[in-house]
N, C-alpha and C. Protein backbone atom coordinates (compact mmCIF):
# COMPACT_ATOMS: atom_id res chain seq x y z
N MET A 1 0.75 -1.28 0.02
CA MET A 1 -0.15 -0.07 -0.01
C MET A 1 0.92 1.07 0.06
N ASP A 2 0.53 2.15 -0.71
CA ASP A 2 1.35 3.58 -1.08
C ASP A 2 0.60 4.26 -0.04
N ILE A 3 1.38 4.88 1.32
CA ILE A 3 1.10 5.50 2.11
C ILE A 3 1.45 6.85 1.82
N PRO A 4 0.75 8.01 1.78
CA PRO A 4 1.10 9.38 1.86
C PRO A 4 2.33 9.65 2.41
N GLN A 5 3.40 10.18 1.94
CA GLN A 5 4.70 10.53 2.60
C GLN A 5 4.28 11.02 3.84
N ASN A 6 3.47 12.19 3.71
CA ASN A 6 3.41 13.05 5.18
C ASN A 6 2.89 12.29 6.24
N ILE A 7 2.10 11.21 6.12
CA ILE A 7 1.48 10.39 7.16
C ILE A 7 2.36 9.60 7.62
N LYS A 8 3.21 9.04 6.90
CA LYS A 8 4.49 8.13 7.16
C LYS A 8 5.51 8.94 8.00
N VAL A 9 5.85 10.36 7.41
CA VAL A 9 6.88 11.14 8.52
C VAL A 9 6.14 11.35 9.60
N GLU A 10 5.26 11.73 9.69
CA GLU A 10 4.50 12.37 11.01
C GLU A 10 4.57 10.96 11.96
N ALA A 11 4.05 9.82 11.37
CA ALA A 11 4.00 8.55 12.42
C ALA A 11 5.44 8.20 13.13
N GLN A 12 6.42 8.62 12.04
CA GLN A 12 7.81 8.26 12.47
C GLN A 12 8.26 9.30 13.52
N LYS A 13 7.76 10.58 13.30
CA LYS A 13 8.05 11.57 14.17
C LYS A 13 7.58 11.43 15.47
N ARG A 14 6.30 11.18 15.65
CA ARG A 14 5.57 11.19 16.83
C ARG A 14 5.96 9.80 17.47
N ILE A 15 6.47 8.83 17.03
CA ILE A 15 6.72 7.79 17.82
C ILE A 15 8.54 7.72 18.19
N GLU A 16 9.03 8.75 18.04
CA GLU A 16 10.38 8.99 18.24
C GLU A 16 10.80 9.02 19.62
N PRO A 17 9.74 9.85 20.45
CA PRO A 17 10.28 9.84 22.02
C PRO A 17 10.24 8.48 22.71
N TYR A 18 9.74 7.33 22.11
CA TYR A 18 9.61 6.53 23.16
C TYR A 18 10.60 5.21 22.57
N ASP A 19 10.66 4.32 23.63
CA ASP A 19 11.48 3.00 23.40
C ASP A 19 10.75 2.23 22.46
N VAL A 20 11.13 2.30 21.11
CA VAL A 20 10.65 1.57 19.98
C VAL A 20 11.34 1.36 19.25
N GLU A 21 11.71 0.43 18.28
CA GLU A 21 12.37 0.31 17.02
C GLU A 21 11.87 0.10 16.09
N GLY A 22 12.31 0.35 14.69
CA GLY A 22 11.77 -0.16 13.48
C GLY A 22 10.39 0.39 13.05
N PHE A 23 10.21 0.09 11.63
CA PHE A 23 8.64 0.58 11.31
C PHE A 23 8.28 -0.41 10.18
N VAL A 24 7.35 -1.17 10.59
CA VAL A 24 6.44 -2.10 9.91
C VAL A 24 5.08 -1.53 9.09
N ILE A 25 4.87 -1.30 7.71
CA ILE A 25 3.61 -0.76 7.35
C ILE A 25 2.55 -1.67 7.33
N GLY A 26 2.85 -2.71 6.81
CA GLY A 26 1.84 -3.86 6.81
C GLY A 26 1.88 -4.49 5.55
N LYS A 27 1.39 -5.32 5.06
CA LYS A 27 1.30 -6.28 3.93
C LYS A 27 -0.12 -7.06 3.45
N GLY A 28 -0.19 -7.24 2.24
CA GLY A 28 -1.17 -8.23 1.82
C GLY A 28 -1.88 -7.35 0.58
N ASP A 29 -3.20 -7.92 0.39
CA ASP A 29 -4.14 -7.41 -0.45
C ASP A 29 -4.99 -6.11 -0.07
N THR A 30 -4.79 -5.20 -0.73
CA THR A 30 -5.77 -3.91 -0.52
C THR A 30 -6.73 -3.73 -0.89
N GLU A 31 -7.29 -4.99 -1.67
CA GLU A 31 -8.73 -4.76 -2.07
C GLU A 31 -9.26 -5.94 -1.43
N SER A 32 -8.65 -6.62 -0.44
CA SER A 32 -9.30 -7.69 0.40
C SER A 32 -10.56 -7.35 1.11
N GLU A 33 -11.67 -8.17 1.31
CA GLU A 33 -12.60 -8.11 2.30
C GLU A 33 -12.38 -7.87 3.77
N VAL A 34 -11.31 -8.88 3.83
CA VAL A 34 -10.89 -8.77 5.42
C VAL A 34 -9.42 -8.09 5.60
N MET A 35 -9.61 -7.40 6.88
CA MET A 35 -8.04 -6.98 7.34
C MET A 35 -7.87 -7.43 8.70
N ILE A 36 -6.81 -7.82 9.02
CA ILE A 36 -6.32 -8.35 10.42
C ILE A 36 -5.44 -7.18 11.20
N VAL A 37 -5.91 -6.73 11.99
CA VAL A 37 -5.20 -5.76 13.04
C VAL A 37 -4.73 -6.46 14.12
N GLY A 38 -3.14 -6.38 14.07
CA GLY A 38 -2.45 -6.84 15.44
C GLY A 38 -2.04 -5.74 16.06
N GLU A 39 -1.14 -6.22 17.05
CA GLU A 39 -0.66 -5.15 18.31
C GLU A 39 0.61 -4.29 17.85
N ALA A 40 1.50 -4.86 17.68
CA ALA A 40 2.62 -4.45 17.31
C ALA A 40 3.58 -5.33 16.36
N PRO A 41 4.89 -5.00 15.68
CA PRO A 41 5.48 -5.84 15.29
C PRO A 41 6.51 -6.38 16.43
N GLY A 42 7.21 -7.62 16.39
CA GLY A 42 8.13 -7.99 16.89
C GLY A 42 9.89 -7.71 16.64
N GLU A 43 10.55 -8.64 16.99
CA GLU A 43 12.02 -8.65 16.59
C GLU A 43 12.18 -9.06 15.43
N ASN A 44 11.26 -9.83 14.96
CA ASN A 44 11.81 -10.60 13.41
C ASN A 44 11.05 -9.60 12.53
N GLU A 45 9.62 -9.34 13.00
CA GLU A 45 8.98 -8.45 12.16
C GLU A 45 9.83 -7.19 11.36
N ILE A 46 10.57 -6.45 12.48
CA ILE A 46 11.23 -5.40 12.07
C ILE A 46 12.38 -5.34 11.45
N VAL A 47 12.95 -6.70 11.49
CA VAL A 47 14.21 -6.93 10.85
C VAL A 47 13.74 -7.17 9.14
N LYS A 48 12.49 -7.92 9.02
CA LYS A 48 12.27 -8.45 7.61
C LYS A 48 10.87 -7.34 7.19
N GLY A 49 10.29 -6.52 7.84
CA GLY A 49 9.58 -5.53 7.47
C GLY A 49 8.20 -6.23 7.25
N GLU A 50 7.93 -7.28 7.78
CA GLU A 50 6.54 -7.74 7.60
C GLU A 50 6.00 -8.15 8.56
N PRO A 51 4.71 -7.85 8.60
CA PRO A 51 3.83 -8.17 9.94
C PRO A 51 3.72 -9.93 10.12
N PHE A 52 3.88 -10.26 11.24
CA PHE A 52 3.45 -11.51 11.80
C PHE A 52 4.24 -13.04 10.81
N ILE A 53 5.82 -12.63 11.19
CA ILE A 53 6.46 -13.61 10.44
C ILE A 53 7.16 -14.71 11.59
N GLY A 54 7.22 -14.15 12.81
CA GLY A 54 7.73 -14.87 14.01
C GLY A 54 7.23 -16.15 14.36
N ARG A 55 7.30 -16.43 15.48
CA ARG A 55 6.52 -17.51 16.41
C ARG A 55 5.17 -17.30 16.21
N ALA A 56 4.63 -15.91 16.47
CA ALA A 56 3.18 -15.77 16.41
C ALA A 56 2.81 -15.92 15.11
N GLY A 57 3.71 -15.55 13.97
CA GLY A 57 3.09 -15.71 12.58
C GLY A 57 2.97 -17.00 12.12
N LYS A 58 3.55 -18.29 12.88
CA LYS A 58 3.25 -19.62 12.50
C LYS A 58 2.10 -19.94 13.10
N GLU A 59 1.82 -19.49 14.34
CA GLU A 59 0.49 -19.65 15.26
C GLU A 59 -0.59 -19.22 14.07
N LEU A 60 -0.18 -17.90 13.68
CA LEU A 60 -1.45 -16.82 12.87
C LEU A 60 -1.86 -18.09 11.79
N ASP A 61 -0.61 -18.32 11.11
CA ASP A 61 -0.95 -19.13 9.95
C ASP A 61 -1.84 -20.65 9.99
N LYS A 62 -1.69 -21.21 11.19
CA LYS A 62 -2.51 -22.32 11.52
C LYS A 62 -4.12 -21.93 11.92
N GLN A 63 -4.15 -20.39 12.43
CA GLN A 63 -5.49 -20.18 12.64
C GLN A 63 -6.25 -19.70 11.20
N LEU A 64 -5.12 -19.12 10.48
CA LEU A 64 -5.80 -18.75 9.09
C LEU A 64 -6.28 -19.78 8.19
N GLU A 65 -5.87 -21.02 8.43
CA GLU A 65 -5.85 -22.21 7.93
C GLU A 65 -7.41 -22.56 8.30
N ILE A 66 -7.63 -22.58 9.44
CA ILE A 66 -8.98 -23.08 10.16
C ILE A 66 -10.07 -22.13 9.53
N LEU A 67 -9.62 -20.92 9.49
CA LEU A 67 -10.77 -19.79 8.72
C LEU A 67 -10.78 -19.68 7.55
N GLY A 68 -9.90 -20.46 6.58
CA GLY A 68 -10.10 -20.61 5.58
C GLY A 68 -9.96 -19.29 4.62
N LEU A 69 -8.79 -18.97 5.42
CA LEU A 69 -8.37 -17.54 4.55
C LEU A 69 -6.66 -17.70 4.25
N ASP A 70 -6.13 -17.04 3.48
CA ASP A 70 -4.75 -16.95 2.83
C ASP A 70 -4.26 -15.78 2.86
N ARG A 71 -2.91 -15.65 3.36
CA ARG A 71 -2.45 -14.17 3.49
C ARG A 71 -2.47 -13.67 2.26
N LYS A 72 -2.36 -14.23 1.22
CA LYS A 72 -2.20 -13.69 0.01
C LYS A 72 -3.29 -12.54 -0.23
N HIS A 73 -4.69 -13.16 0.25
CA HIS A 73 -5.92 -12.53 0.04
C HIS A 73 -6.39 -11.80 1.10
N ILE A 74 -5.53 -11.30 2.24
CA ILE A 74 -6.16 -10.64 2.95
C ILE A 74 -5.12 -9.33 3.40
N TYR A 75 -5.58 -8.34 4.12
CA TYR A 75 -4.49 -7.43 4.43
C TYR A 75 -4.19 -7.41 5.96
N ILE A 76 -2.88 -7.46 6.49
CA ILE A 76 -2.61 -7.60 7.69
C ILE A 76 -1.75 -6.25 7.65
N THR A 77 -1.88 -5.68 9.08
CA THR A 77 -1.40 -4.47 9.52
C THR A 77 -1.22 -4.53 11.36
N SER A 78 -1.19 -3.47 11.90
CA SER A 78 -1.32 -3.48 13.36
C SER A 78 -1.17 -2.00 13.91
N VAL A 79 -1.51 -1.94 15.14
CA VAL A 79 -2.23 -0.64 15.85
C VAL A 79 -0.82 0.18 15.74
N VAL A 80 0.35 -0.47 16.10
CA VAL A 80 1.56 0.37 16.12
C VAL A 80 2.71 -0.40 15.31
N ARG A 81 3.41 0.48 14.60
CA ARG A 81 4.39 -0.23 13.75
C ARG A 81 5.66 -0.36 13.70
N SER A 82 6.14 0.31 14.91
CA SER A 82 7.33 0.14 15.77
C SER A 82 7.30 -0.97 16.70
N ARG A 83 8.44 -1.57 16.96
CA ARG A 83 8.49 -2.69 18.25
C ARG A 83 8.73 -1.78 19.35
N PRO A 84 7.42 -1.77 20.45
CA PRO A 84 7.98 -1.33 21.61
C PRO A 84 8.79 -2.59 22.46
N TYR A 85 9.74 -1.96 23.40
CA TYR A 85 10.79 -2.72 23.72
C TYR A 85 10.80 -2.52 25.17
N TYR A 86 11.59 -3.08 26.28
CA TYR A 86 12.09 -2.72 27.38
C TYR A 86 13.38 -3.52 27.58
N TRP A 87 14.31 -2.90 28.32
CA TRP A 87 15.71 -3.96 28.54
C TRP A 87 15.65 -4.76 29.61
N THR A 88 16.11 -5.95 29.50
CA THR A 88 15.97 -7.07 30.43
C THR A 88 17.44 -7.84 30.73
N LYS A 89 17.56 -8.65 31.59
CA LYS A 89 18.78 -9.37 31.74
C LYS A 89 18.69 -10.54 30.81
N SER A 90 19.69 -10.72 29.76
CA SER A 90 19.90 -11.96 28.98
C SER A 90 19.92 -13.21 29.54
N ASN A 91 19.87 -14.11 28.87
CA ASN A 91 19.88 -15.59 29.37
C ASN A 91 21.66 -16.00 29.34
N LYS A 92 22.16 -14.93 28.50
CA LYS A 92 23.53 -15.29 28.42
C LYS A 92 24.26 -14.35 29.13
N GLU A 93 24.63 -13.15 28.70
CA GLU A 93 25.36 -12.08 29.03
C GLU A 93 25.12 -10.72 28.78
N GLY A 94 24.74 -9.87 29.79
CA GLY A 94 24.37 -8.61 29.53
C GLY A 94 22.95 -8.32 29.39
N MET A 95 22.34 -7.39 28.64
CA MET A 95 20.92 -6.96 28.42
C MET A 95 20.75 -7.31 27.14
N ARG A 96 19.13 -7.81 27.26
CA ARG A 96 18.73 -7.57 25.62
C ARG A 96 17.21 -6.87 25.81
N LYS A 97 17.01 -6.62 24.47
CA LYS A 97 15.33 -6.12 24.43
C LYS A 97 14.56 -7.16 24.45
N ALA A 98 13.26 -6.89 25.00
CA ALA A 98 12.11 -7.89 25.10
C ALA A 98 10.60 -6.89 24.74
N ASN A 99 9.89 -7.66 23.84
CA ASN A 99 8.85 -6.92 23.48
C ASN A 99 7.84 -6.68 24.58
N ARG A 100 7.11 -5.58 24.61
CA ARG A 100 6.02 -5.12 25.77
C ARG A 100 5.13 -4.62 24.77
N LYS A 101 3.68 -4.56 25.52
CA LYS A 101 2.61 -3.95 24.94
C LYS A 101 2.90 -2.46 24.61
N PRO A 102 2.29 -1.99 23.75
CA PRO A 102 2.39 -0.35 23.54
C PRO A 102 1.59 0.41 24.24
N THR A 103 2.14 1.62 24.71
CA THR A 103 1.36 2.54 25.49
C THR A 103 0.24 3.33 24.96
N GLN A 104 -0.60 3.70 25.36
CA GLN A 104 -1.52 4.81 24.70
C GLN A 104 -0.84 5.90 23.82
N LYS A 105 0.04 6.42 24.14
CA LYS A 105 0.68 7.44 23.63
C LYS A 105 1.37 6.79 22.36
N GLU A 106 1.92 5.59 22.64
CA GLU A 106 2.36 5.05 21.33
C GLU A 106 1.35 4.94 20.14
N ILE A 107 0.28 4.38 20.94
CA ILE A 107 -0.99 4.06 19.97
C ILE A 107 -1.59 5.20 19.22
N ILE A 108 -1.56 6.28 19.92
CA ILE A 108 -1.89 7.76 19.31
C ILE A 108 -1.08 8.03 18.32
N ALA A 109 0.40 7.83 18.67
CA ALA A 109 1.47 8.24 17.73
C ALA A 109 1.34 7.67 16.45
N HIS A 110 0.58 6.22 16.16
CA HIS A 110 0.56 5.77 14.92
C HIS A 110 -0.99 5.67 14.61
N ALA A 111 -2.02 6.27 15.23
CA ALA A 111 -3.30 6.31 14.74
C ALA A 111 -3.53 6.59 13.52
N GLU A 112 -3.33 7.57 12.92
CA GLU A 112 -3.68 8.36 11.75
C GLU A 112 -3.19 7.22 10.69
N LEU A 113 -2.02 6.34 10.93
CA LEU A 113 -1.61 5.58 9.93
C LEU A 113 -2.67 4.34 9.67
N LEU A 114 -3.12 3.86 10.81
CA LEU A 114 -4.02 2.69 11.00
C LEU A 114 -5.28 3.15 10.48
N ASP A 115 -5.81 4.46 10.74
CA ASP A 115 -6.97 5.20 10.23
C ASP A 115 -6.89 5.33 8.48
N TYR A 116 -5.76 5.72 8.23
CA TYR A 116 -5.90 5.98 6.52
C TYR A 116 -5.94 4.45 6.07
N GLN A 117 -5.14 3.42 6.41
CA GLN A 117 -5.19 1.83 6.13
C GLN A 117 -6.68 1.72 6.02
N ILE A 118 -7.34 1.53 7.15
CA ILE A 118 -8.73 1.14 7.14
C ILE A 118 -9.48 1.56 6.20
N GLU A 119 -9.41 3.07 5.71
CA GLU A 119 -10.41 3.87 4.97
C GLU A 119 -10.02 3.44 3.61
N GLN A 120 -8.72 3.17 3.26
CA GLN A 120 -8.16 2.58 2.21
C GLN A 120 -8.46 1.32 1.52
N VAL A 121 -8.44 0.44 2.29
CA VAL A 121 -8.86 -0.97 2.09
C VAL A 121 -10.38 -1.32 2.22
N ALA A 122 -11.00 -0.39 3.15
CA ALA A 122 -12.61 -0.47 3.07
C ALA A 122 -12.96 -1.93 3.36
N PRO A 123 -12.37 -2.60 4.50
CA PRO A 123 -12.80 -4.12 4.33
C PRO A 123 -13.91 -4.13 5.09
N LYS A 124 -14.74 -5.37 4.62
CA LYS A 124 -16.08 -5.61 5.22
C LYS A 124 -15.97 -6.13 6.63
N ILE A 125 -14.89 -6.95 6.78
CA ILE A 125 -14.45 -7.65 8.26
C ILE A 125 -13.22 -6.96 8.52
N ILE A 126 -13.03 -6.67 9.72
CA ILE A 126 -11.90 -6.40 10.58
C ILE A 126 -11.53 -7.41 11.77
N ILE A 127 -10.61 -8.08 11.69
CA ILE A 127 -10.36 -9.11 12.75
C ILE A 127 -9.33 -8.60 13.73
N ALA A 128 -9.69 -8.43 14.89
CA ALA A 128 -8.79 -7.89 15.97
C ALA A 128 -8.17 -8.99 16.53
N LEU A 129 -6.65 -8.97 16.55
CA LEU A 129 -5.97 -9.76 17.39
C LEU A 129 -5.59 -9.39 18.56
N GLY A 130 -5.94 -9.65 19.77
CA GLY A 130 -5.98 -9.20 21.04
C GLY A 130 -6.25 -8.14 21.61
N ASN A 131 -6.09 -8.04 22.84
CA ASN A 131 -7.01 -6.71 23.61
C ASN A 131 -6.60 -5.42 22.98
N VAL A 132 -5.03 -5.23 22.54
CA VAL A 132 -4.65 -3.90 22.34
C VAL A 132 -5.32 -3.57 21.00
N ALA A 133 -5.56 -4.45 20.16
CA ALA A 133 -6.40 -4.11 18.79
C ALA A 133 -7.73 -3.73 19.27
N PHE A 134 -8.21 -4.88 19.87
CA PHE A 134 -9.83 -4.63 20.00
C PHE A 134 -10.32 -3.22 20.39
N LYS A 135 -9.34 -2.89 22.03
CA LYS A 135 -9.77 -1.67 22.38
C LYS A 135 -9.40 -0.24 21.41
N ARG A 136 -8.35 -0.55 20.83
CA ARG A 136 -8.08 0.36 19.77
C ARG A 136 -9.10 0.73 18.81
N LEU A 137 -9.81 -0.22 18.53
CA LEU A 137 -10.89 -0.18 17.09
C LEU A 137 -12.08 0.27 17.55
N ILE A 138 -12.67 -0.18 18.83
CA ILE A 138 -13.85 -0.21 19.29
C ILE A 138 -13.93 0.67 20.73
N GLY A 139 -12.92 0.56 21.35
CA GLY A 139 -12.89 1.06 22.73
C GLY A 139 -13.51 0.58 23.62
N SER A 140 -13.99 -0.56 23.53
CA SER A 140 -14.72 -1.32 24.44
C SER A 140 -13.80 -1.78 25.93
N GLU A 141 -14.92 -1.86 26.86
CA GLU A 141 -14.33 -2.32 28.03
C GLU A 141 -14.40 -3.70 28.34
N ASP A 142 -15.34 -4.46 27.43
CA ASP A 142 -15.61 -5.78 27.60
C ASP A 142 -14.09 -6.53 27.58
N LYS A 143 -14.16 -7.67 28.75
CA LYS A 143 -13.14 -8.49 28.80
C LYS A 143 -13.05 -9.11 27.36
N LEU A 144 -11.77 -9.49 26.61
CA LEU A 144 -11.58 -9.98 25.44
C LEU A 144 -12.63 -11.68 25.29
N SER A 145 -12.10 -12.35 26.71
CA SER A 145 -12.64 -13.55 26.74
C SER A 145 -14.13 -13.84 26.68
N SER A 146 -14.81 -12.47 26.87
CA SER A 146 -16.27 -12.61 26.92
C SER A 146 -16.76 -12.31 25.54
N VAL A 147 -15.99 -11.84 24.68
CA VAL A 147 -16.59 -11.42 23.30
C VAL A 147 -15.72 -12.12 22.07
N ILE A 148 -14.87 -12.82 22.42
CA ILE A 148 -14.07 -13.95 21.42
C ILE A 148 -15.10 -14.31 20.50
N GLY A 149 -14.49 -13.98 19.08
CA GLY A 149 -15.57 -14.64 18.23
C GLY A 149 -16.82 -14.14 17.65
N ARG A 150 -17.21 -13.02 18.41
CA ARG A 150 -18.27 -12.35 18.27
C ARG A 150 -18.13 -11.35 17.19
N VAL A 151 -19.54 -11.30 16.16
CA VAL A 151 -19.32 -10.39 15.34
C VAL A 151 -20.02 -9.21 15.66
N MET A 152 -19.32 -7.97 15.59
CA MET A 152 -19.71 -6.65 16.25
C MET A 152 -19.88 -5.65 14.82
N GLU A 153 -21.03 -5.33 14.83
CA GLU A 153 -21.39 -4.15 13.36
C GLU A 153 -20.91 -3.03 14.29
N THR A 154 -20.07 -2.25 14.07
CA THR A 154 -19.91 -1.09 14.84
C THR A 154 -18.78 -0.09 14.04
N PRO A 155 -19.20 1.35 14.29
CA PRO A 155 -17.90 2.32 13.97
C PRO A 155 -16.61 1.99 14.33
N VAL A 156 -15.68 2.08 13.97
CA VAL A 156 -14.31 1.99 14.58
C VAL A 156 -13.93 3.67 15.13
N LEU A 157 -12.74 3.64 16.04
CA LEU A 157 -12.23 4.80 16.45
C LEU A 157 -11.34 5.36 15.49
N LYS A 158 -11.31 6.51 15.39
CA LYS A 158 -10.30 7.37 14.52
C LYS A 158 -9.74 8.43 15.56
N TRP A 159 -8.52 8.73 15.17
CA TRP A 159 -7.70 9.94 16.20
C TRP A 159 -7.63 11.08 15.45
N ARG A 160 -8.25 12.22 16.24
CA ARG A 160 -8.42 13.57 15.60
C ARG A 160 -7.67 14.60 16.74
N ASP A 161 -6.59 15.08 16.34
CA ASP A 161 -5.71 16.01 17.31
C ASP A 161 -6.62 16.59 18.31
N GLU A 162 -7.39 17.63 17.57
CA GLU A 162 -8.46 18.28 18.22
C GLU A 162 -9.28 17.89 19.19
N GLU A 163 -9.87 16.65 18.63
CA GLU A 163 -11.08 15.81 19.48
C GLU A 163 -10.68 14.99 20.27
N GLY A 164 -9.48 14.04 19.88
CA GLY A 164 -9.14 12.66 20.64
C GLY A 164 -9.95 11.71 19.87
N TRP A 165 -10.47 10.59 20.49
CA TRP A 165 -10.99 9.60 19.49
C TRP A 165 -12.37 10.02 19.09
N VAL A 166 -12.56 9.71 17.71
CA VAL A 166 -14.20 9.91 17.28
C VAL A 166 -14.55 8.60 16.65
N GLU A 167 -15.64 8.23 16.36
CA GLU A 167 -16.13 7.38 15.74
C GLU A 167 -16.18 7.48 14.28
N SER A 168 -15.69 6.86 13.36
CA SER A 168 -16.05 6.28 11.64
C SER A 168 -17.40 6.74 11.82
N GLU A 169 -17.82 7.11 10.18
CA GLU A 169 -19.25 7.26 10.01
C GLU A 169 -19.64 5.64 9.41
N TYR A 170 -18.79 5.03 8.83
CA TYR A 170 -18.82 3.93 8.27
C TYR A 170 -19.03 2.81 9.44
N PHE A 171 -19.74 1.93 9.30
CA PHE A 171 -19.90 0.87 10.24
C PHE A 171 -19.06 -0.41 9.57
N TYR A 172 -18.23 -1.34 10.48
CA TYR A 172 -17.48 -2.36 10.09
C TYR A 172 -18.03 -3.50 10.84
N LYS A 173 -17.49 -4.85 10.45
CA LYS A 173 -17.93 -6.11 11.20
C LYS A 173 -16.80 -6.24 11.88
N VAL A 174 -16.48 -6.03 13.18
CA VAL A 174 -14.98 -6.27 13.91
C VAL A 174 -15.54 -7.51 14.52
N ILE A 175 -14.48 -8.32 14.47
CA ILE A 175 -14.34 -9.93 15.24
C ILE A 175 -13.03 -9.74 15.94
N PRO A 176 -13.23 -9.79 17.15
CA PRO A 176 -12.21 -9.94 18.45
C PRO A 176 -11.77 -11.28 18.41
N LEU A 177 -10.47 -11.83 18.24
CA LEU A 177 -9.82 -12.89 18.40
C LEU A 177 -8.67 -12.94 19.35
N TYR A 178 -8.22 -14.19 20.04
CA TYR A 178 -7.00 -13.72 20.97
C TYR A 178 -5.88 -13.34 20.00
N HIS A 179 -5.09 -13.09 20.78
CA HIS A 179 -3.57 -12.91 19.86
C HIS A 179 -2.94 -14.11 19.57
N PRO A 180 -2.43 -14.22 18.60
CA PRO A 180 -1.70 -15.67 18.29
C PRO A 180 -0.85 -15.94 19.44
N ALA A 181 -0.08 -14.75 19.89
CA ALA A 181 1.02 -15.16 21.15
C ALA A 181 0.53 -15.69 22.24
N ALA A 182 -0.89 -15.23 22.53
CA ALA A 182 -1.45 -15.37 23.77
C ALA A 182 -1.55 -17.20 24.04
N VAL A 183 -1.61 -18.03 23.39
CA VAL A 183 -1.50 -19.39 23.64
C VAL A 183 -0.36 -19.94 24.09
N PHE A 184 0.66 -19.16 23.92
CA PHE A 184 2.32 -19.63 24.35
C PHE A 184 2.26 -19.36 25.88
N TYR A 185 1.82 -18.30 26.01
CA TYR A 185 1.59 -18.01 27.56
C TYR A 185 0.49 -18.74 28.42
N ASN A 186 -0.59 -18.69 27.76
CA ASN A 186 -1.69 -19.34 28.51
C ASN A 186 -2.28 -20.67 27.60
N PRO A 187 -1.71 -21.80 27.50
CA PRO A 187 -1.96 -22.56 26.49
C PRO A 187 -3.62 -23.22 27.04
N LYS A 188 -4.24 -23.08 28.23
CA LYS A 188 -5.68 -23.31 28.61
C LYS A 188 -6.37 -22.72 27.67
N ILE A 189 -6.22 -21.62 26.99
CA ILE A 189 -7.19 -20.77 26.38
C ILE A 189 -7.54 -21.62 24.93
N ARG A 190 -6.76 -22.64 24.43
CA ARG A 190 -6.57 -23.41 22.86
C ARG A 190 -8.19 -23.83 22.79
N PRO A 191 -8.48 -24.42 23.60
CA PRO A 191 -9.91 -24.85 23.26
C PRO A 191 -11.13 -23.82 22.80
N GLN A 192 -11.09 -22.81 23.76
CA GLN A 192 -11.99 -21.58 23.36
C GLN A 192 -11.41 -20.95 22.21
N LEU A 193 -10.25 -20.89 21.93
CA LEU A 193 -9.55 -20.00 20.62
C LEU A 193 -10.21 -20.97 19.67
N GLU A 194 -10.12 -22.12 19.44
CA GLU A 194 -10.33 -23.22 18.42
C GLU A 194 -11.92 -23.04 17.96
N GLN A 195 -12.69 -23.23 19.24
CA GLN A 195 -13.76 -23.18 18.93
C GLN A 195 -14.54 -21.78 18.38
N SER A 196 -13.81 -20.66 18.87
CA SER A 196 -14.30 -19.33 18.19
C SER A 196 -13.74 -19.12 16.83
N LEU A 197 -13.04 -19.92 16.42
CA LEU A 197 -12.17 -19.95 15.09
C LEU A 197 -13.27 -20.91 14.10
N HIS A 198 -13.64 -21.67 14.67
CA HIS A 198 -14.52 -22.48 13.81
C HIS A 198 -16.20 -21.78 13.68
N GLU A 199 -16.63 -21.07 14.60
CA GLU A 199 -17.70 -20.01 14.58
C GLU A 199 -17.55 -18.95 13.62
N VAL A 200 -16.42 -18.53 13.78
CA VAL A 200 -15.81 -17.46 12.86
C VAL A 200 -15.93 -17.80 11.20
N LYS A 201 -15.33 -19.05 11.21
CA LYS A 201 -15.21 -19.64 9.87
C LYS A 201 -16.39 -19.96 9.17
N ARG A 202 -17.40 -20.21 10.04
CA ARG A 202 -18.94 -20.61 9.63
C ARG A 202 -19.65 -19.13 9.04
N TYR A 203 -19.20 -18.40 9.78
CA TYR A 203 -19.80 -16.95 9.37
C TYR A 203 -19.12 -16.09 8.10
N LEU A 204 -17.87 -16.49 7.91
CA LEU A 204 -16.99 -16.28 6.92
C LEU A 204 -17.76 -17.03 5.64
N ASP A 205 -17.80 -18.04 5.64
CA ASP A 205 -18.28 -18.78 4.52
C ASP A 205 -19.66 -18.15 4.28
N GLU A 206 -20.30 -17.93 4.98
CA GLU A 206 -21.81 -17.10 4.61
C GLU A 206 -21.22 -15.81 4.01
N LYS A 207 -20.67 -14.90 4.10
CA LYS A 207 -20.54 -13.57 4.05
C LYS A 207 -19.70 -13.18 2.97
N LEU A 208 -18.51 -14.21 2.80
CA LEU A 208 -17.54 -13.94 1.86
C LEU A 208 -17.91 -14.41 0.44
């Protein structure tokens, strides 16, 4: 996707004060009816400039197979395009960078970029992977576990410097799912995740 230079420059400028690195725009079919929005790139993603190519990416591929979706035919992006990190002790020697959740200020820094991509792709369905993406898109306070796999017809949030978060005029079908990496930290959610994936698959088969 060709992003206007002013939007890219502004996004990179706004994220500079924070502990982040890299810049991953997104990848996929810009005419797709399905958009996937993740949280932020990780170490592998910022090296290769592609979303979801590390361990979580392999898990996402398994989930896409259940959904009957192909990466080539969907658009994948994220809430924040730079990798948020913190310093921690290395298993070997010294310190290393570890992934962390983006802050609200970091989310706002890249908000206009995601707003633009959603408007350009104009997907029928947006799959929100994880709580960060879910709250960024619709601002819901619902627990992710209580709405997982549910189809929500709703406007999405857009950022305006003068007004803050405002709702889009257009309604999208937003489907929250667990972030693929969540099963690594909490394997007990896999049965619920797989059940929700099969439910979403039935919905996609009807609508696409």
